[in-house]
């Protein structure tokens, strides 16, 4: 770039440098906002994954507490301990009974 020949060219050169510096500020602000949005999205995704993991663990714990075999055994014990109680017949289940 050539040296400015008069004060008018010199002031235009300084104005161009100032305009260039001012144009970087909005670009940097945009990049910071985009980075923040991306970081927040990643953070929320990790939280969602952890919550889903906890939910699936809780579902396994509470849904698989009593198997059909456990219920059959409990019904047999209940019959033995309470001979006067009328209980319905327990239907056998599981692979040994063809279900």
N, C-alpha and C. Protein backbone atom coordinates (compact mmCIF):
# COMPACT_ATOMS: atom_id res chain seq x y z
N UNK A 1 0.84 -1.16 0.00
CA UNK A 1 0.00 0.00 0.00
C UNK A 1 0.89 1.23 0.00
N UNK A 2 0.50 2.22 -0.76
CA UNK A 2 1.34 3.42 -0.89
C UNK A 2 1.07 4.37 0.28
N UNK A 3 2.05 5.22 0.54
CA UNK A 3 1.92 6.20 1.62
C UNK A 3 0.93 7.29 1.19
N UNK A 4 0.12 7.79 2.09
CA UNK A 4 -0.81 8.86 1.73
C UNK A 4 -0.05 10.12 1.36
N UNK A 5 -0.52 10.80 0.33
CA UNK A 5 0.18 11.97 -0.19
C UNK A 5 -0.22 13.25 0.52
N UNK A 6 -1.44 13.33 0.97
CA UNK A 6 -1.85 14.55 1.68
C UNK A 6 -2.67 14.17 2.90
N UNK A 7 -3.09 15.13 3.64
CA UNK A 7 -3.81 14.87 4.88
C UNK A 7 -5.18 14.25 4.60
N UNK A 8 -5.78 14.57 3.46
CA UNK A 8 -7.08 14.01 3.12
C UNK A 8 -6.96 12.50 2.94
N UNK A 9 -5.91 12.07 2.21
CA UNK A 9 -5.70 10.64 2.02
C UNK A 9 -5.35 9.97 3.35
N UNK A 10 -4.59 10.69 4.20
CA UNK A 10 -4.21 10.13 5.50
C UNK A 10 -5.44 9.92 6.38
N UNK A 11 -6.36 10.84 6.39
CA UNK A 11 -7.57 10.69 7.21
C UNK A 11 -8.46 9.57 6.65
N UNK A 12 -8.47 9.41 5.31
CA UNK A 12 -9.23 8.31 4.73
C UNK A 12 -8.62 6.97 5.11
N UNK A 13 -7.28 6.91 5.19
CA UNK A 13 -6.60 5.69 5.58
C UNK A 13 -6.94 5.33 7.03
N UNK A 14 -6.94 6.34 7.91
CA UNK A 14 -7.27 6.10 9.30
C UNK A 14 -8.74 5.70 9.45
N UNK A 15 -9.59 6.32 8.69
CA UNK A 15 -11.01 5.99 8.73
C UNK A 15 -11.24 4.55 8.26
N UNK A 16 -10.52 4.11 7.26
CA UNK A 16 -10.64 2.73 6.78
C UNK A 16 -10.18 1.73 7.83
N UNK A 17 -9.11 2.07 8.55
CA UNK A 17 -8.65 1.20 9.61
C UNK A 17 -9.67 1.15 10.74
N UNK A 18 -10.27 2.26 11.06
CA UNK A 18 -11.29 2.31 12.11
C UNK A 18 -12.52 1.52 11.68
N UNK A 19 -12.93 1.67 10.43
CA UNK A 19 -14.08 0.92 9.93
C UNK A 19 -13.80 -0.58 9.97
N UNK A 20 -12.57 -0.96 9.63
CA UNK A 20 -12.20 -2.36 9.65
C UNK A 20 -12.27 -2.91 11.08
N UNK A 21 -11.77 -2.15 12.05
CA UNK A 21 -11.81 -2.59 13.45
C UNK A 21 -13.26 -2.68 13.93
N UNK A 22 -14.09 -1.74 13.51
CA UNK A 22 -15.49 -1.77 13.94
C UNK A 22 -16.25 -2.91 13.30
N UNK A 23 -15.83 -3.35 12.14
CA UNK A 23 -16.53 -4.45 11.50
C UNK A 23 -16.18 -5.79 12.15
N UNK A 24 -15.05 -5.88 12.83
CA UNK A 24 -14.69 -7.12 13.51
C UNK A 24 -15.55 -7.36 14.76
N UNK A 25 -15.97 -6.33 15.41
CA UNK A 25 -16.75 -6.47 16.64
C UNK A 25 -18.05 -7.24 16.40
N UNK A 26 -18.87 -6.89 15.42
CA UNK A 26 -20.09 -7.68 15.19
C UNK A 26 -19.79 -9.13 14.79
N UNK A 27 -18.73 -9.33 14.02
CA UNK A 27 -18.38 -10.69 13.61
C UNK A 27 -17.99 -11.51 14.84
N UNK A 28 -17.18 -10.94 15.72
CA UNK A 28 -16.78 -11.64 16.93
C UNK A 28 -17.97 -11.89 17.85
N UNK A 29 -18.86 -10.91 17.94
CA UNK A 29 -20.07 -11.12 18.75
C UNK A 29 -20.90 -12.28 18.19
N UNK A 30 -21.03 -12.33 16.89
CA UNK A 30 -21.78 -13.42 16.26
C UNK A 30 -21.13 -14.77 16.57
N UNK A 31 -19.81 -14.85 16.47
CA UNK A 31 -19.11 -16.10 16.75
C UNK A 31 -19.25 -16.51 18.22
N UNK A 32 -19.21 -15.55 19.12
CA UNK A 32 -19.38 -15.85 20.54
C UNK A 32 -20.78 -16.38 20.81
N UNK A 33 -21.79 -15.76 20.21
CA UNK A 33 -23.17 -16.22 20.40
C UNK A 33 -23.34 -17.63 19.82
N UNK A 34 -22.80 -17.87 18.63
CA UNK A 34 -22.90 -19.22 18.04
C UNK A 34 -22.20 -20.25 18.91
N UNK A 35 -21.04 -19.92 19.43
CA UNK A 35 -20.33 -20.84 20.32
C UNK A 35 -21.10 -21.11 21.59
N UNK A 36 -21.73 -20.08 22.15
CA UNK A 36 -22.54 -20.27 23.35
C UNK A 36 -23.75 -21.14 23.10
N UNK A 37 -24.40 -20.95 21.96
CA UNK A 37 -25.57 -21.78 21.62
C UNK A 37 -25.14 -23.23 21.43
N UNK A 38 -24.05 -23.45 20.75
CA UNK A 38 -23.55 -24.81 20.54
C UNK A 38 -23.17 -25.46 21.87
N UNK A 39 -22.48 -24.73 22.72
CA UNK A 39 -22.08 -25.26 24.02
C UNK A 39 -23.28 -25.59 24.89
N UNK A 40 -24.28 -24.71 24.89
CA UNK A 40 -25.49 -24.96 25.68
C UNK A 40 -26.24 -26.17 25.15
N UNK A 41 -26.31 -26.31 23.84
CA UNK A 41 -26.98 -27.47 23.25
C UNK A 41 -26.29 -28.77 23.63
N UNK A 42 -24.98 -28.77 23.62
CA UNK A 42 -24.23 -29.96 24.02
C UNK A 42 -24.46 -30.28 25.49
N UNK A 43 -24.46 -29.24 26.32
CA UNK A 43 -24.67 -29.42 27.76
C UNK A 43 -26.06 -30.01 28.03
N UNK A 44 -27.10 -29.47 27.39
CA UNK A 44 -28.45 -29.99 27.58
C UNK A 44 -28.58 -31.41 27.05
N UNK A 45 -27.89 -31.74 25.98
CA UNK A 45 -27.93 -33.09 25.44
C UNK A 45 -27.33 -34.08 26.43
N UNK A 46 -26.22 -33.71 27.09
CA UNK A 46 -25.63 -34.60 28.09
C UNK A 46 -26.58 -34.80 29.26
N UNK A 47 -27.25 -33.74 29.69
CA UNK A 47 -28.21 -33.86 30.79
C UNK A 47 -29.34 -34.79 30.40
N UNK A 48 -29.86 -34.63 29.19
CA UNK A 48 -30.96 -35.48 28.72
C UNK A 48 -30.53 -36.95 28.68
N UNK A 49 -29.31 -37.21 28.24
CA UNK A 49 -28.81 -38.58 28.18
C UNK A 49 -28.71 -39.18 29.58
N UNK A 50 -28.24 -38.40 30.54
CA UNK A 50 -28.14 -38.89 31.91
C UNK A 50 -29.52 -39.18 32.49
N UNK A 51 -30.49 -38.31 32.24
CA UNK A 51 -31.85 -38.53 32.74
C UNK A 51 -32.45 -39.79 32.13
N UNK A 52 -32.26 -40.00 30.83
CA UNK A 52 -32.78 -41.21 30.19
C UNK A 52 -32.14 -42.45 30.78
N UNK A 53 -30.86 -42.39 31.10
CA UNK A 53 -30.18 -43.52 31.71
C UNK A 53 -30.76 -43.83 33.08
N UNK A 54 -31.02 -42.80 33.87
CA UNK A 54 -31.61 -42.99 35.19
C UNK A 54 -33.02 -43.56 35.06
N UNK A 55 -33.80 -43.04 34.12
CA UNK A 55 -35.17 -43.54 33.93
C UNK A 55 -35.17 -45.01 33.54
N UNK A 56 -34.29 -45.41 32.63
CA UNK A 56 -34.27 -46.81 32.21
C UNK A 56 -33.84 -47.71 33.35
N UNK A 57 -32.92 -47.26 34.19
CA UNK A 57 -32.50 -48.05 35.35
C UNK A 57 -33.66 -48.22 36.33
N UNK A 58 -34.39 -47.14 36.58
CA UNK A 58 -35.53 -47.21 37.50
C UNK A 58 -36.62 -48.12 36.95
N UNK A 59 -36.87 -48.05 35.66
CA UNK A 59 -37.88 -48.92 35.06
C UNK A 59 -37.50 -50.38 35.20
N UNK A 60 -36.23 -50.71 35.00
CA UNK A 60 -35.79 -52.09 35.15
C UNK A 60 -35.96 -52.56 36.59
N UNK A 61 -35.63 -51.69 37.54
CA UNK A 61 -35.71 -52.07 38.95
C UNK A 61 -37.17 -52.31 39.36
N UNK A 62 -38.07 -51.41 38.98
CA UNK A 62 -39.44 -51.52 39.45
C UNK A 62 -40.30 -52.47 38.60
N UNK A 63 -40.00 -52.64 37.35
CA UNK A 63 -40.81 -53.52 36.52
C UNK A 63 -40.42 -54.98 36.64
N UNK A 64 -39.19 -55.26 37.00
CA UNK A 64 -38.71 -56.64 37.05
C UNK A 64 -38.61 -57.19 38.46
N UNK A 65 -39.33 -56.59 39.39
CA UNK A 65 -39.22 -57.06 40.77
C UNK A 65 -39.81 -58.44 40.96
N UNK A 66 -40.99 -58.65 40.46
CA UNK A 66 -41.67 -59.94 40.63
C UNK A 66 -41.77 -60.63 39.30
N UNK A 67 -41.15 -61.77 39.20
CA UNK A 67 -41.33 -62.57 38.00
C UNK A 67 -42.53 -63.48 38.20
N UNK A 68 -42.98 -64.11 37.16
CA UNK A 68 -44.13 -65.02 37.27
C UNK A 68 -43.80 -66.18 38.19
N UNK A 69 -42.58 -66.66 38.16
CA UNK A 69 -42.17 -67.77 39.04
C UNK A 69 -42.21 -67.32 40.50
N UNK A 70 -41.76 -66.10 40.77
CA UNK A 70 -41.83 -65.59 42.14
C UNK A 70 -43.27 -65.53 42.63
N UNK A 71 -44.17 -65.10 41.78
CA UNK A 71 -45.58 -65.02 42.16
C UNK A 71 -46.17 -66.41 42.42
N UNK A 72 -45.78 -67.38 41.61
CA UNK A 72 -46.25 -68.75 41.82
C UNK A 72 -45.77 -69.28 43.17
N UNK A 73 -44.50 -69.03 43.49
CA UNK A 73 -43.97 -69.49 44.77
C UNK A 73 -44.68 -68.80 45.94
N UNK A 74 -44.92 -67.51 45.80
CA UNK A 74 -45.61 -66.76 46.85
C UNK A 74 -47.02 -67.30 47.05
N UNK A 75 -47.71 -67.63 45.98
CA UNK A 75 -49.06 -68.18 46.09
C UNK A 75 -49.04 -69.54 46.80
N UNK A 76 -48.04 -70.37 46.52
CA UNK A 76 -47.93 -71.66 47.19
C UNK A 76 -47.67 -71.48 48.69
N UNK A 77 -46.79 -70.55 49.04
CA UNK A 77 -46.50 -70.28 50.44
C UNK A 77 -47.74 -69.74 51.14
N UNK A 78 -48.48 -68.87 50.48
CA UNK A 78 -49.70 -68.31 51.05
C UNK A 78 -50.73 -69.41 51.30
N UNK A 79 -50.83 -70.35 50.40
CA UNK A 79 -51.77 -71.47 50.58
C UNK A 79 -51.38 -72.32 51.78
N UNK A 80 -50.08 -72.58 51.92
CA UNK A 80 -49.61 -73.42 53.02
C UNK A 80 -49.81 -72.71 54.36
N UNK A 81 -49.51 -71.41 54.41
CA UNK A 81 -49.61 -70.68 55.66
C UNK A 81 -51.05 -70.35 56.05
N UNK A 82 -51.95 -70.32 55.11
CA UNK A 82 -53.35 -69.97 55.36
C UNK A 82 -54.27 -71.04 54.76
N UNK A 83 -54.41 -72.18 55.40
CA UNK A 83 -55.21 -73.26 54.81
C UNK A 83 -56.71 -72.93 54.75
N UNK A 84 -57.18 -72.02 55.58
CA UNK A 84 -58.60 -71.68 55.59
C UNK A 84 -58.96 -70.63 54.54
N UNK A 85 -57.97 -69.98 53.94
CA UNK A 85 -58.23 -68.92 52.96
C UNK A 85 -58.53 -69.55 51.60
N UNK A 86 -59.54 -69.03 50.94
CA UNK A 86 -59.88 -69.50 49.61
C UNK A 86 -59.09 -68.68 48.59
N UNK A 87 -58.29 -69.36 47.83
CA UNK A 87 -57.47 -68.68 46.81
C UNK A 87 -57.78 -69.25 45.45
N UNK A 88 -57.77 -68.42 44.43
CA UNK A 88 -57.96 -68.95 43.07
C UNK A 88 -56.73 -69.76 42.66
N UNK A 89 -56.94 -70.64 41.70
CA UNK A 89 -55.83 -71.43 41.19
C UNK A 89 -54.85 -70.52 40.45
N UNK A 90 -53.61 -70.81 40.63
CA UNK A 90 -52.56 -70.04 39.96
C UNK A 90 -52.26 -70.73 38.64
N UNK A 91 -52.35 -69.94 37.57
CA UNK A 91 -52.01 -70.50 36.26
C UNK A 91 -50.51 -70.59 36.12
N UNK A 92 -50.00 -71.73 35.80
CA UNK A 92 -48.55 -71.83 35.59
C UNK A 92 -48.12 -71.00 34.39
N UNK A 93 -46.96 -70.46 34.47
CA UNK A 93 -46.46 -69.68 33.33
C UNK A 93 -44.99 -69.99 33.17
N UNK A 94 -44.43 -69.47 32.13
CA UNK A 94 -43.01 -69.64 31.90
C UNK A 94 -42.74 -70.65 30.80
N UNK A 95 -41.47 -70.83 30.47
CA UNK A 95 -41.10 -71.70 29.35
C UNK A 95 -41.36 -73.17 29.64
N UNK A 96 -41.39 -73.59 30.90
CA UNK A 96 -41.60 -75.01 31.18
C UNK A 96 -43.04 -75.42 30.96
N UNK A 97 -43.96 -74.43 30.87
CA UNK A 97 -45.37 -74.73 30.64
C UNK A 97 -45.82 -74.38 29.22
N UNK A 98 -44.91 -74.06 28.38
CA UNK A 98 -45.22 -73.80 26.98
C UNK A 98 -45.71 -72.40 26.68
N UNK A 99 -45.46 -71.45 27.56
CA UNK A 99 -45.85 -70.07 27.28
C UNK A 99 -44.67 -69.23 26.95
